Amino acid sequence: MEFYSFDDSYLQRLREHDFQTEQHFVAYFSKLILIKLRSRVRSSSAIDDIRQETFVRVLKVVRAEGGVRNAERLGGFVN
């Protein structure tokens, strides 16, 4: 898996609900979250629920006033 370098432009596109950026964001982090959850959660439906909840929470913070301010830390925040 190739790691992506997030920048301020990417973060701004997420804030603006840019469809392609949101698709990339979900596709990129789905793989990483899945790897982490498979070692901790047995139920595939629970894994799906946790992934969805993670994206809802992260995007809510990204779009909030004063949310994620440093794009380079986005990956750490999601994890």
PDB file of N, CA and C in Angstrom:
ATOM      1  N   MET A   1       0.836  -1.179   0.000  1.00  0.00           N
ATOM      2  CA  MET A   1       0.000   0.000   0.000  1.00  0.00           C
ATOM      3  C   MET A   1       0.879   1.240   0.000  1.00  0.00           C
ATOM      4  N   GLU A   2       0.546   2.166  -0.863  1.00  0.00           N
ATOM      5  CA  GLU A   2       1.293   3.406  -0.954  1.00  0.00           C
ATOM      6  C   GLU A   2       0.652   4.448  -0.032  1.00  0.00           C
ATOM      7  N   PHE A   3       1.478   5.111   0.759  1.00  0.00           N
ATOM      8  CA  PHE A   3       0.972   6.104   1.693  1.00  0.00           C
ATOM      9  C   PHE A   3       0.776   7.442   0.989  1.00  0.00           C
ATOM     10  N   TYR A   4      -0.272   8.135   1.366  1.00  0.00           N
ATOM     11  CA  TYR A   4      -0.650   9.406   0.754  1.00  0.00           C
ATOM     12  C   TYR A   4      -0.247  10.546   1.687  1.00  0.00           C
ATOM     13  N   SER A   5       0.279  11.616   1.110  1.00  0.00           N
ATOM     14  CA  SER A   5       0.633  12.801   1.893  1.00  0.00           C
ATOM     15  C   SER A   5      -0.514  13.797   1.805  1.00  0.00           C
ATOM     16  N   PHE A   6      -1.165  14.032   2.919  1.00  0.00           N
ATOM     17  CA  PHE A   6      -2.294  14.948   2.951  1.00  0.00           C
ATOM     18  C   PHE A   6      -1.789  16.383   3.087  1.00  0.00           C
ATOM     19  N   ASP A   7      -2.450  17.301   2.368  1.00  0.00           N
ATOM     20  CA  ASP A   7      -2.076  18.706   2.434  1.00  0.00           C
ATOM     21  C   ASP A   7      -3.303  19.559   2.739  1.00  0.00           C
ATOM     22  N   ASP A   8      -3.091  20.851   2.885  1.00  0.00           N
ATOM     23  CA  ASP A   8      -4.187  21.762   3.226  1.00  0.00           C
ATOM     24  C   ASP A   8      -5.277  21.773   2.159  1.00  0.00           C
ATOM     25  N   SER A   9      -4.881  21.633   0.918  1.00  0.00           N
ATOM     26  CA  SER A   9      -5.848  21.616  -0.181  1.00  0.00           C
ATOM     27  C   SER A   9      -6.783  20.407  -0.053  1.00  0.00           C
ATOM     28  N   TYR A  10      -6.224  19.266   0.284  1.00  0.00           N
ATOM     29  CA  TYR A  10      -7.021  18.045   0.464  1.00  0.00           C
ATOM     30  C   TYR A  10      -8.012  18.239   1.610  1.00  0.00           C
ATOM     31  N   LEU A  11      -7.536  18.774   2.700  1.00  0.00           N
ATOM     32  CA  LEU A  11      -8.384  19.010   3.866  1.00  0.00           C
ATOM     33  C   LEU A  11      -9.513  19.986   3.533  1.00  0.00           C
ATOM     34  N   GLN A  12      -9.206  21.008   2.765  1.00  0.00           N
ATOM     35  CA  GLN A  12     -10.225  21.972   2.364  1.00  0.00           C
ATOM     36  C   GLN A  12     -11.284  21.314   1.472  1.00  0.00           C
ATOM     37  N   ARG A  13     -10.855  20.453   0.564  1.00  0.00           N
ATOM     38  CA  ARG A  13     -11.814  19.749  -0.295  1.00  0.00           C
ATOM     39  C   ARG A  13     -12.723  18.843   0.534  1.00  0.00           C
ATOM     40  N   LEU A  14     -12.189  18.214   1.575  1.00  0.00           N
ATOM     41  CA  LEU A  14     -13.041  17.417   2.467  1.00  0.00           C
ATOM     42  C   LEU A  14     -14.053  18.307   3.169  1.00  0.00           C
ATOM     43  N   ARG A  15     -13.627  19.468   3.598  1.00  0.00           N
ATOM     44  CA  ARG A  15     -14.537  20.404   4.272  1.00  0.00           C
ATOM     45  C   ARG A  15     -15.658  20.858   3.347  1.00  0.00           C
ATOM     46  N   GLU A  16     -15.343  20.952   2.066  1.00  0.00           N
ATOM     47  CA  GLU A  16     -16.309  21.435   1.082  1.00  0.00           C
ATOM     48  C   GLU A  16     -17.151  20.305   0.475  1.00  0.00           C
ATOM     49  N   HIS A  17     -17.028  19.102   1.004  1.00  0.00           N
ATOM     50  CA  HIS A  17     -17.809  17.948   0.542  1.00  0.00           C
ATOM     51  C   HIS A  17     -17.498  17.566  -0.909  1.00  0.00           C
ATOM     52  N   ASP A  18     -16.253  17.746  -1.340  1.00  0.00           N
ATOM     53  CA  ASP A  18     -15.861  17.365  -2.690  1.00  0.00           C
ATOM     54  C   ASP A  18     -15.996  15.853  -2.842  1.00  0.00           C
ATOM     55  N   PHE A  19     -16.813  15.429  -3.797  1.00  0.00           N
ATOM     56  CA  PHE A  19     -17.164  14.018  -3.949  1.00  0.00           C
ATOM     57  C   PHE A  19     -15.941  13.132  -4.197  1.00  0.00           C
ATOM     58  N   GLN A  20     -15.079  13.529  -5.127  1.00  0.00           N
ATOM     59  CA  GLN A  20     -13.906  12.701  -5.449  1.00  0.00           C
ATOM     60  C   GLN A  20     -12.948  12.606  -4.264  1.00  0.00           C
ATOM     61  N   THR A  21     -12.789  13.684  -3.540  1.00  0.00           N
ATOM     62  CA  THR A  21     -11.914  13.667  -2.365  1.00  0.00           C
ATOM     63  C   THR A  21     -12.503  12.775  -1.284  1.00  0.00           C
ATOM     64  N   GLU A  22     -13.808  12.864  -1.083  1.00  0.00           N
ATOM     65  CA  GLU A  22     -14.457  11.989  -0.106  1.00  0.00           C
ATOM     66  C   GLU A  22     -14.312  10.522  -0.503  1.00  0.00           C
ATOM     67  N   GLN A  23     -14.464  10.220  -1.778  1.00  0.00           N
ATOM     68  CA  GLN A  23     -14.288   8.837  -2.241  1.00  0.00           C
ATOM     69  C   GLN A  23     -12.874   8.354  -1.976  1.00  0.00           C
ATOM     70  N   HIS A  24     -11.884   9.179  -2.281  1.00  0.00           N
ATOM     71  CA  HIS A  24     -10.491   8.802  -2.040  1.00  0.00           C
ATOM     72  C   HIS A  24     -10.257   8.582  -0.552  1.00  0.00           C
ATOM     73  N   PHE A  25     -10.757   9.505   0.263  1.00  0.00           N
ATOM     74  CA  PHE A  25     -10.596   9.440   1.709  1.00  0.00           C
ATOM     75  C   PHE A  25     -11.138   8.121   2.266  1.00  0.00           C
ATOM     76  N   VAL A  26     -12.355   7.774   1.893  1.00  0.00           N
ATOM     77  CA  VAL A  26     -12.987   6.545   2.389  1.00  0.00           C
ATOM     78  C   VAL A  26     -12.245   5.312   1.867  1.00  0.00           C
ATOM     79  N   ALA A  27     -11.899   5.309   0.585  1.00  0.00           N
ATOM     80  CA  ALA A  27     -11.183   4.152   0.021  1.00  0.00           C
ATOM     81  C   ALA A  27      -9.816   3.975   0.689  1.00  0.00           C
ATOM     82  N   TYR A  28      -9.102   5.065   0.867  1.00  0.00           N
ATOM     83  CA  TYR A  28      -7.762   5.009   1.453  1.00  0.00           C
ATOM     84  C   TYR A  28      -7.808   4.510   2.892  1.00  0.00           C
ATOM     85  N   PHE A  29      -8.648   5.109   3.713  1.00  0.00           N
ATOM     86  CA  PHE A  29      -8.666   4.746   5.114  1.00  0.00           C
ATOM     87  C   PHE A  29      -9.450   3.462   5.398  1.00  0.00           C
ATOM     88  N   SER A  30     -10.340   3.059   4.509  1.00  0.00           N
ATOM     89  CA  SER A  30     -11.060   1.789   4.712  1.00  0.00           C
ATOM     90  C   SER A  30     -10.084   0.632   4.815  1.00  0.00           C
ATOM     91  N   LYS A  31      -9.095   0.635   3.945  1.00  0.00           N
ATOM     92  CA  LYS A  31      -8.105  -0.442   3.955  1.00  0.00           C
ATOM     93  C   LYS A  31      -7.333  -0.471   5.275  1.00  0.00           C
ATOM     94  N   LEU A  32      -6.898   0.710   5.712  1.00  0.00           N
ATOM     95  CA  LEU A  32      -6.108   0.784   6.944  1.00  0.00           C
ATOM     96  C   LEU A  32      -6.938   0.424   8.173  1.00  0.00           C
ATOM     97  N   ILE A  33      -8.166   0.918   8.220  1.00  0.00           N
ATOM     98  CA  ILE A  33      -9.041   0.613   9.350  1.00  0.00           C
ATOM     99  C   ILE A  33      -9.379  -0.874   9.376  1.00  0.00           C
ATOM    100  N   LEU A  34      -9.623  -1.445   8.212  1.00  0.00           N
ATOM    101  CA  LEU A  34      -9.942  -2.868   8.115  1.00  0.00           C
ATOM    102  C   LEU A  34      -8.802  -3.727   8.664  1.00  0.00           C
ATOM    103  N   ILE A  35      -7.589  -3.399   8.313  1.00  0.00           N
ATOM    104  CA  ILE A  35      -6.431  -4.144   8.813  1.00  0.00           C
ATOM    105  C   ILE A  35      -6.389  -4.090  10.337  1.00  0.00           C
ATOM    106  N   LYS A  36      -6.602  -2.902  10.888  1.00  0.00           N
ATOM    107  CA  LYS A  36      -6.559  -2.728  12.336  1.00  0.00           C
ATOM    108  C   LYS A  36      -7.701  -3.480  13.021  1.00  0.00           C
ATOM    109  N   LEU A  37      -8.905  -3.391  12.470  1.00  0.00           N
ATOM    110  CA  LEU A  37     -10.068  -3.998  13.113  1.00  0.00           C
ATOM    111  C   LEU A  37     -10.084  -5.525  13.020  1.00  0.00           C
ATOM    112  N   ARG A  38      -9.578  -6.061  11.951  1.00  0.00           N
ATOM    113  CA  ARG A  38      -9.584  -7.524  11.798  1.00  0.00           C
ATOM    114  C   ARG A  38      -8.848  -8.228  12.931  1.00  0.00           C
ATOM    115  N   SER A  39      -7.852  -7.562  13.479  1.00  0.00           N
ATOM    116  CA  SER A  39      -7.097  -8.179  14.572  1.00  0.00           C
ATOM    117  C   SER A  39      -7.771  -7.965  15.931  1.00  0.00           C
ATOM    118  N   ARG A  40      -8.813  -7.117  15.965  1.00  0.00           N
ATOM    119  CA  ARG A  40      -9.438  -6.783  17.240  1.00  0.00           C
ATOM    120  C   ARG A  40     -10.912  -7.160  17.345  1.00  0.00           C
ATOM    121  N   VAL A  41     -11.596  -7.286  16.202  1.00  0.00           N
ATOM    122  CA  VAL A  41     -13.043  -7.514  16.197  1.00  0.00           C
ATOM    123  C   VAL A  41     -13.352  -8.749  15.351  1.00  0.00           C
ATOM    124  N   ARG A  42     -14.187  -9.616  15.867  1.00  0.00           N
ATOM    125  CA  ARG A  42     -14.490 -10.862  15.158  1.00  0.00           C
ATOM    126  C   ARG A  42     -15.646 -10.738  14.171  1.00  0.00           C
ATOM    127  N   SER A  43     -16.619  -9.936  14.486  1.00  0.00           N
ATOM    128  CA  SER A  43     -17.831  -9.829  13.676  1.00  0.00           C
ATOM    129  C   SER A  43     -17.626  -8.880  12.486  1.00  0.00           C
ATOM    130  N   SER A  44     -17.932  -9.372  11.281  1.00  0.00           N
ATOM    131  CA  SER A  44     -17.778  -8.517  10.100  1.00  0.00           C
ATOM    132  C   SER A  44     -18.790  -7.370  10.112  1.00  0.00           C
ATOM    133  N   SER A  45     -19.970  -7.608  10.666  1.00  0.00           N
ATOM    134  CA  SER A  45     -20.949  -6.514  10.735  1.00  0.00           C
ATOM    135  C   SER A  45     -20.497  -5.450  11.740  1.00  0.00           C
ATOM    136  N   ALA A  46     -19.855  -5.864  12.818  1.00  0.00           N
ATOM    137  CA  ALA A  46     -19.315  -4.906  13.786  1.00  0.00           C
ATOM    138  C   ALA A  46     -18.185  -4.096  13.147  1.00  0.00           C
ATOM    139  N   ILE A  47     -17.364  -4.743  12.347  1.00  0.00           N
ATOM    140  CA  ILE A  47     -16.282  -4.046  11.648  1.00  0.00           C
ATOM    141  C   ILE A  47     -16.864  -2.977  10.731  1.00  0.00           C
ATOM    142  N   ASP A  48     -17.897  -3.330   9.975  1.00  0.00           N
ATOM    143  CA  ASP A  48     -18.538  -2.352   9.088  1.00  0.00           C
ATOM    144  C   ASP A  48     -19.117  -1.186   9.871  1.00  0.00           C
ATOM    145  N   ASP A  49     -19.768  -1.490  10.988  1.00  0.00           N
ATOM    146  CA  ASP A  49     -20.347  -0.431  11.823  1.00  0.00           C
ATOM    147  C   ASP A  49     -19.266   0.505  12.363  1.00  0.00           C
ATOM    148  N   ILE A  50     -18.177  -0.056  12.823  1.00  0.00           N
ATOM    149  CA  ILE A  50     -17.090   0.746  13.387  1.00  0.00           C
ATOM    150  C   ILE A  50     -16.458   1.618  12.304  1.00  0.00           C
ATOM    151  N   ARG A  51     -16.261   1.054  11.122  1.00  0.00           N
ATOM    152  CA  ARG A  51     -15.695   1.841  10.016  1.00  0.00           C
ATOM    153  C   ARG A  51     -16.593   3.012   9.669  1.00  0.00           C
ATOM    154  N   GLN A  52     -17.878   2.750   9.527  1.00  0.00           N
ATOM    155  CA  GLN A  52     -18.818   3.823   9.190  1.00  0.00           C
ATOM    156  C   GLN A  52     -18.829   4.901  10.278  1.00  0.00           C
ATOM    157  N   GLU A  53     -18.870   4.484  11.514  1.00  0.00           N
ATOM    158  CA  GLU A  53     -18.886   5.434  12.627  1.00  0.00           C
ATOM    159  C   GLU A  53     -17.588   6.248  12.664  1.00  0.00           C
ATOM    160  N   THR A  54     -16.481   5.622  12.347  1.00  0.00           N
ATOM    161  CA  THR A  54     -15.199   6.322  12.302  1.00  0.00           C
ATOM    162  C   THR A  54     -15.248   7.439  11.263  1.00  0.00           C
ATOM    163  N   PHE A  55     -15.742   7.135  10.070  1.00  0.00           N
ATOM    164  CA  PHE A  55     -15.814   8.154   9.020  1.00  0.00           C
ATOM    165  C   PHE A  55     -16.768   9.283   9.396  1.00  0.00           C
ATOM    166  N   VAL A  56     -17.894   8.957   9.975  1.00  0.00           N
ATOM    167  CA  VAL A  56     -18.849   9.988  10.393  1.00  0.00           C
ATOM    168  C   VAL A  56     -18.192  10.923  11.410  1.00  0.00           C
ATOM    169  N   ARG A  57     -17.535  10.349  12.389  1.00  0.00           N
ATOM    170  CA  ARG A  57     -16.912  11.165  13.435  1.00  0.00           C
ATOM    171  C   ARG A  57     -15.758  12.006  12.903  1.00  0.00           C
ATOM    172  N   VAL A  58     -14.915  11.397  12.073  1.00  0.00           N
ATOM    173  CA  VAL A  58     -13.764  12.128  11.534  1.00  0.00           C
ATOM    174  C   VAL A  58     -14.229  13.279  10.653  1.00  0.00           C
ATOM    175  N   LEU A  59     -15.165  13.016   9.750  1.00  0.00           N
ATOM    176  CA  LEU A  59     -15.625  14.075   8.854  1.00  0.00           C
ATOM    177  C   LEU A  59     -16.339  15.185   9.621  1.00  0.00           C
ATOM    178  N   LYS A  60     -17.008  14.830  10.675  1.00  0.00           N
ATOM    179  CA  LYS A  60     -17.669  15.840  11.508  1.00  0.00           C
ATOM    180  C   LYS A  60     -16.620  16.775  12.119  1.00  0.00           C
ATOM    181  N   VAL A  61     -15.550  16.221  12.629  1.00  0.00           N
ATOM    182  CA  VAL A  61     -14.488  17.040  13.227  1.00  0.00           C
ATOM    183  C   VAL A  61     -13.760  17.844  12.153  1.00  0.00           C
ATOM    184  N   VAL A  62     -13.474  17.225  11.010  1.00  0.00           N
ATOM    185  CA  VAL A  62     -12.785  17.929   9.922  1.00  0.00           C
ATOM    186  C   VAL A  62     -13.582  19.161   9.503  1.00  0.00           C
ATOM    187  N   ARG A  63     -14.891  19.036   9.484  1.00  0.00           N
ATOM    188  CA  ARG A  63     -15.753  20.123   9.006  1.00  0.00           C
ATOM    189  C   ARG A  63     -16.156  21.118  10.099  1.00  0.00           C
ATOM    190  N   ALA A  64     -15.803  20.815  11.326  1.00  0.00           N
ATOM    191  CA  ALA A  64     -16.146  21.701  12.438  1.00  0.00           C
ATOM    192  C   ALA A  64     -15.179  22.874  12.512  1.00  0.00           C
ATOM    193  N   GLU A  65     -15.674  23.973  13.013  1.00  0.00           N
ATOM    194  CA  GLU A  65     -14.831  25.150  13.241  1.00  0.00           C
ATOM    195  C   GLU A  65     -13.708  24.762  14.205  1.00  0.00           C
ATOM    196  N   GLY A  66     -12.475  24.981  13.795  1.00  0.00           N
ATOM    197  CA  GLY A  66     -11.333  24.659  14.644  1.00  0.00           C
ATOM    198  C   GLY A  66     -11.036  23.174  14.728  1.00  0.00           C
ATOM    199  N   GLY A  67     -11.604  22.371  13.820  1.00  0.00           N
ATOM    200  CA  GLY A  67     -11.395  20.920  13.818  1.00  0.00           C
ATOM    201  C   GLY A  67      -9.942  20.572  13.528  1.00  0.00           C
ATOM    202  N   VAL A  68      -9.705  19.729  12.574  1.00  0.00           N
ATOM    203  CA  VAL A  68      -8.341  19.343  12.199  1.00  0.00           C
ATOM    204  C   VAL A  68      -7.684  20.540  11.520  1.00  0.00           C
ATOM    205  N   ARG A  69      -6.611  21.016  12.109  1.00  0.00           N
ATOM    206  CA  ARG A  69      -5.935  22.213  11.593  1.00  0.00           C
ATOM    207  C   ARG A  69      -4.681  21.895  10.812  1.00  0.00           C
ATOM    208  N   ASN A  70      -4.112  20.741  11.034  1.00  0.00           N
ATOM    209  CA  ASN A  70      -2.861  20.373  10.383  1.00  0.00           C
ATOM    210  C   ASN A  70      -3.110  19.142   9.513  1.00  0.00           C
ATOM    211  N   ALA A  71      -3.096  19.340   8.207  1.00  0.00           N
ATOM    212  CA  ALA A  71      -3.410  18.269   7.265  1.00  0.00           C
ATOM    213  C   ALA A  71      -2.465  17.071   7.397  1.00  0.00           C
ATOM    214  N   GLU A  72      -1.226  17.333   7.751  1.00  0.00           N
ATOM    215  CA  GLU A  72      -0.250  16.245   7.872  1.00  0.00           C
ATOM    216  C   GLU A  72      -0.602  15.289   9.010  1.00  0.00           C
ATOM    217  N   ARG A  73      -1.463  15.724   9.927  1.00  0.00           N
ATOM    218  CA  ARG A  73      -1.839  14.888  11.070  1.00  0.00           C
ATOM    219  C   ARG A  73      -3.163  14.157  10.867  1.00  0.00           C
ATOM    220  N   LEU A  74      -3.745  14.285   9.683  1.00  0.00           N
ATOM    221  CA  LEU A  74      -5.037  13.670   9.405  1.00  0.00           C
ATOM    222  C   LEU A  74      -4.980  12.150   9.579  1.00  0.00           C
ATOM    223  N   GLY A  75      -3.960  11.515   9.062  1.00  0.00           N
ATOM    224  CA  GLY A  75      -3.831  10.068   9.169  1.00  0.00           C
ATOM    225  C   GLY A  75      -3.788   9.594  10.611  1.00  0.00           C
ATOM    226  N   GLY A  76      -3.031  10.263  11.435  1.00  0.00           N
ATOM    227  CA  GLY A  76      -2.944   9.919  12.846  1.00  0.00           C
ATOM    228  C   GLY A  76      -4.281  10.129  13.549  1.00  0.00           C
ATOM    229  N   PHE A  77      -4.976  11.190  13.168  1.00  0.00           N
ATOM    230  CA  PHE A  77      -6.275  11.455  13.769  1.00  0.00           C
ATOM    231  C   PHE A  77      -7.285  10.352  13.422  1.00  0.00           C
ATOM    232  N   VAL A  78      -7.305   9.923  12.178  1.00  0.00           N
ATOM    233  CA  VAL A  78      -8.232   8.852  11.770  1.00  0.00           C
ATOM    234  C   VAL A  78      -7.924   7.576  12.527  1.00  0.00           C
ATOM    235  N   ASN A  79      -6.653   7.252  12.652  1.00  0.00           N
ATOM    236  CA  ASN A  79      -6.277   6.019  13.376  1.00  0.00           C
ATOM    237  C   ASN A  79      -6.528   6.146  14.851  1.00  0.00           C
TER     238      ASN A  79
END
